[in-house]
C-alpha atoms as a PDB file:
ATOM      1  CA  MET A   1      15.551   4.421  -1.546  1.00  0.00           C
ATOM      2  CA  LYS A   2      15.918   4.561   2.538  1.00  0.00           C
ATOM      3  CA  GLU A   3      15.866   7.951   3.699  1.00  0.00           C
ATOM      4  CA  GLY A   4      15.251   7.615   7.352  1.00  0.00           C
ATOM      5  CA  ASN A   5      11.665   7.783   6.819  1.00  0.00           C
ATOM      6  CA  ILE A   6       9.562   4.671   8.212  1.00  0.00           C
ATOM      7  CA  ILE A   7       6.568   5.124   6.080  1.00  0.00           C
ATOM      8  CA  LEU A   8       8.464   6.170   2.836  1.00  0.00           C
ATOM      9  CA  ASP A   9      10.684   2.837   2.999  1.00  0.00           C
ATOM     10  CA  ARG A  10       7.871   0.631   4.291  1.00  0.00           C
ATOM     11  CA  SER A  11       5.940   1.975   1.130  1.00  0.00           C
ATOM     12  CA  PHE A  12       8.626   1.929  -1.027  1.00  0.00           C
ATOM     13  CA  ASP A  13       9.133  -1.359  -0.130  1.00  0.00           C
ATOM     14  CA  PHE A  14       5.835  -2.951  -0.424  1.00  0.00           C
ATOM     15  CA  ALA A  15       5.352  -1.807  -3.806  1.00  0.00           C
ATOM     16  CA  VAL A  16       8.328  -3.765  -4.808  1.00  0.00           C
ATOM     17  CA  ARG A  17       6.490  -6.913  -2.994  1.00  0.00           C
ATOM     18  CA  ILE A  18       3.534  -5.427  -4.897  1.00  0.00           C
ATOM     19  CA  VAL A  19       4.990  -5.765  -8.278  1.00  0.00           C
ATOM     20  CA  LYS A  20       7.381  -8.747  -7.798  1.00  0.00           C
ATOM     21  CA  LEU A  21       3.828 -10.843  -6.730  1.00  0.00           C
ATOM     22  CA  GLN A  22       2.124  -9.211 -10.049  1.00  0.00           C
ATOM     23  CA  HIS A  23       5.053 -11.011 -11.882  1.00  0.00           C
ATOM     24  CA  TYR A  24       4.457 -14.151  -9.706  1.00  0.00           C
ATOM     25  CA  LEU A  25       0.731 -14.069 -10.482  1.00  0.00           C
ATOM     26  CA  THR A  26       0.934 -13.331 -13.845  1.00  0.00           C
ATOM     27  CA  GLU A  27       2.948 -16.036 -14.528  1.00  0.00           C
ATOM     28  CA  ARG A  28       0.364 -18.396 -12.996  1.00  0.00           C
ATOM     29  CA  ARG A  29      -2.068 -17.030 -15.425  1.00  0.00           C
ATOM     30  CA  CYS A  30      -3.857 -15.325 -11.942  1.00  0.00           C
ATOM     31  CA  GLU A  31      -6.785 -13.403 -12.292  1.00  0.00           C
ATOM     32  CA  LYS A  32      -5.548 -10.548 -14.297  1.00  0.00           C
ATOM     33  CA  VAL A  33      -7.957  -7.586 -13.541  1.00  0.00           C
ATOM     34  CA  ILE A  34      -7.753  -8.333  -9.463  1.00  0.00           C
ATOM     35  CA  VAL A  35      -3.530  -8.750 -10.181  1.00  0.00           C
ATOM     36  CA  ARG A  36      -3.456  -5.254 -12.297  1.00  0.00           C
ATOM     37  CA  GLN A  37      -6.282  -3.280  -9.478  1.00  0.00           C
ATOM     38  CA  LEU A  38      -3.646  -4.963  -6.923  1.00  0.00           C
ATOM     39  CA  LEU A  39      -0.634  -3.515  -8.691  1.00  0.00           C
ATOM     40  CA  LYS A  40      -2.456  -0.119  -9.014  1.00  0.00           C
ATOM     41  CA  SER A  41      -3.335   0.323  -5.700  1.00  0.00           C
ATOM     42  CA  GLY A  42      -0.007  -1.262  -3.808  1.00  0.00           C
ATOM     43  CA  THR A  43       1.953   0.978  -6.041  1.00  0.00           C
ATOM     44  CA  SER A  44       0.031   4.704  -5.469  1.00  0.00           C
ATOM     45  CA  ILE A  45       0.190   4.032  -1.982  1.00  0.00           C
ATOM     46  CA  GLY A  46       4.322   5.357  -1.811  1.00  0.00           C
ATOM     47  CA  ALA A  47       3.924   7.941  -4.874  1.00  0.00           C
ATOM     48  CA  ASN A  48       1.301   9.490  -2.447  1.00  0.00           C
ATOM     49  CA  VAL A  49       3.418   9.053   0.589  1.00  0.00           C
ATOM     50  CA  ARG A  50       5.994  10.542  -1.824  1.00  0.00           C
ATOM     51  CA  GLU A  51       4.137  13.674  -2.769  1.00  0.00           C
ATOM     52  CA  ALA A  52       2.709  14.100   1.097  1.00  0.00           C
ATOM     53  CA  VAL A  53       6.556  14.547   2.852  1.00  0.00           C
ATOM     54  CA  ARG A  54       7.508  16.803  -0.782  1.00  0.00           C
ATOM     55  CA  GLY A  55       3.947  18.143  -0.359  1.00  0.00           C
ATOM     56  CA  GLN A  56       3.193  22.122  -0.394  1.00  0.00           C
ATOM     57  CA  SER A  57       1.579  22.689   3.121  1.00  0.00           C
ATOM     58  CA  ARG A  58       0.674  20.561   6.150  1.00  0.00           C
ATOM     59  CA  VAL A  59      -3.291  20.828   4.277  1.00  0.00           C
ATOM     60  CA  ASP A  60      -1.818  18.977   0.577  1.00  0.00           C
ATOM     61  CA  PHE A  61       0.323  16.913   2.747  1.00  0.00           C
ATOM     62  CA  VAL A  62      -2.608  15.660   4.759  1.00  0.00           C
ATOM     63  CA  ALA A  63      -4.508  15.037   1.588  1.00  0.00           C
ATOM     64  CA  LYS A  64      -1.938  12.947   0.281  1.00  0.00           C
ATOM     65  CA  MET A  65      -1.442  10.300   3.465  1.00  0.00           C
ATOM     66  CA  ASN A  66      -5.379   9.878   3.284  1.00  0.00           C
ATOM     67  CA  ILE A  67      -4.935   9.118  -0.551  1.00  0.00           C
ATOM     68  CA  ALA A  68      -2.313   7.084   0.334  1.00  0.00           C
ATOM     69  CA  LEU A  69      -4.458   5.303   3.170  1.00  0.00           C
ATOM     70  CA  LYS A  70      -7.692   4.533   0.610  1.00  0.00           C
ATOM     71  CA  GLU A  71      -5.068   3.190  -1.040  1.00  0.00           C
ATOM     72  CA  ALA A  72      -3.782   0.481   1.214  1.00  0.00           C
ATOM     73  CA  SER A  73      -7.106  -0.216   2.269  1.00  0.00           C
ATOM     74  CA  GLU A  74      -8.106  -1.311  -1.260  1.00  0.00           C
ATOM     75  CA  SER A  75      -4.836  -3.241  -1.145  1.00  0.00           C
ATOM     76  CA  GLU A  76      -6.084  -4.490   1.529  1.00  0.00           C
ATOM     77  CA  TYR A  77      -8.945  -5.727  -0.176  1.00  0.00           C
ATOM     78  CA  TRP A  78      -7.780  -6.982  -3.764  1.00  0.00           C
ATOM     79  CA  LEU A  79      -5.160  -9.471  -1.052  1.00  0.00           C
ATOM     80  CA  GLU A  80      -8.051 -10.457   0.707  1.00  0.00           C
ATOM     81  CA  LEU A  81     -10.572 -11.095  -2.448  1.00  0.00           C
ATOM     82  CA  LEU A  82      -7.033 -13.255  -4.008  1.00  0.00           C
ATOM     83  CA  HIS A  83      -6.964 -15.321  -0.980  1.00  0.00           C
ATOM     84  CA  ALA A  84     -10.504 -15.784  -0.687  1.00  0.00           C
ATOM     85  CA  THR A  85     -10.259 -17.345  -4.203  1.00  0.00           C
ATOM     86  CA  ASP A  86      -7.188 -19.351  -3.398  1.00  0.00           C
ATOM     87  CA  TYR A  87      -4.986 -17.184  -5.632  1.00  0.00           C
ATOM     88  CA  LEU A  88      -2.684 -16.487  -2.774  1.00  0.00           C
ATOM     89  CA  THR A  89      -1.998 -19.670  -0.249  1.00  0.00           C
ATOM     90  CA  ASP A  90      -2.560 -19.067   3.385  1.00  0.00           C
ATOM     91  CA  GLN A  91       1.444 -17.962   3.925  1.00  0.00           C
ATOM     92  CA  GLU A  92       1.510 -15.599   0.808  1.00  0.00           C
ATOM     93  CA  TYR A  93      -1.423 -13.979   2.120  1.00  0.00           C
ATOM     94  CA  ASP A  94      -0.292 -13.740   5.673  1.00  0.00           C
ATOM     95  CA  SER A  95       3.274 -12.241   4.958  1.00  0.00           C
ATOM     96  CA  ILE A  96       2.221  -9.350   2.160  1.00  0.00           C
ATOM     97  CA  TYR A  97      -1.206  -9.118   4.529  1.00  0.00           C
ATOM     98  CA  SER A  98       0.684  -8.362   7.578  1.00  0.00           C
ATOM     99  CA  ASP A  99       3.237  -5.279   5.715  1.00  0.00           C
ATOM    100  CA  CYS A 100      -0.071  -3.707   4.230  1.00  0.00           C
ATOM    101  CA  LYS A 101      -1.902  -3.499   7.538  1.00  0.00           C
ATOM    102  CA  ALA A 102       1.210  -2.239   9.327  1.00  0.00           C
ATOM    103  CA  ILE A 103       1.108   0.714   6.874  1.00  0.00           C
ATOM    104  CA  THR A 104      -2.371   1.625   6.600  1.00  0.00           C
ATOM    105  CA  LYS A 105      -1.997   1.304  10.704  1.00  0.00           C
ATOM    106  CA  MET A 106       0.821   3.513  10.513  1.00  0.00           C
ATOM    107  CA  LEU A 107      -1.149   5.406   7.795  1.00  0.00           C
ATOM    108  CA  MET A 108      -3.952   6.333  10.042  1.00  0.00           C
ATOM    109  CA  LYS A 109      -1.717   7.302  13.154  1.00  0.00           C
ATOM    110  CA  ILE A 110       0.057  10.337  10.974  1.00  0.00           C
ATOM    111  CA  VAL A 111      -2.867  11.291   9.121  1.00  0.00           C
ATOM    112  CA  LYS A 112      -4.868  11.774  12.667  1.00  0.00           C
ATOM    113  CA  THR A 113      -1.905  13.267  14.717  1.00  0.00           C
ATOM    114  CA  THR A 114      -1.252  15.243  11.786  1.00  0.00           C
ATOM    115  CA  LYS A 115      -5.130  16.828  11.722  1.00  0.00           C
ATOM    116  CA  ASP A 116      -5.135  17.078  15.294  1.00  0.00           C
ATOM    117  CA  THR A 117      -2.071  20.071  14.737  1.00  0.00           C
ATOM    118  CA  LEU A 118      -4.097  21.615  11.876  1.00  0.00           C
END
């Protein structure tokens, strides 16, 4: 990927990690519904960021980035739930959750900054 856009790169790398985590948890016969929800929300972040970057207008950009932000928040929830139910160790959780939080913070800043300039 590596287009030189930090949020594009980070969200893509996060999606790759989510796909690998889904594969790992599925092999461990983890709760399938939760893992599927995490796969959907975690990979949707990058898809919406990419759509936003190629959006038709600034309003479209903000709308897509808001969707990405919602998906990041949902991903945080599923990761927290997997950790609380012992499907993720502390180390596994800390590693991927910190990436998700960083993306969430970046998206919040992007949305706020862009809204302020509309």
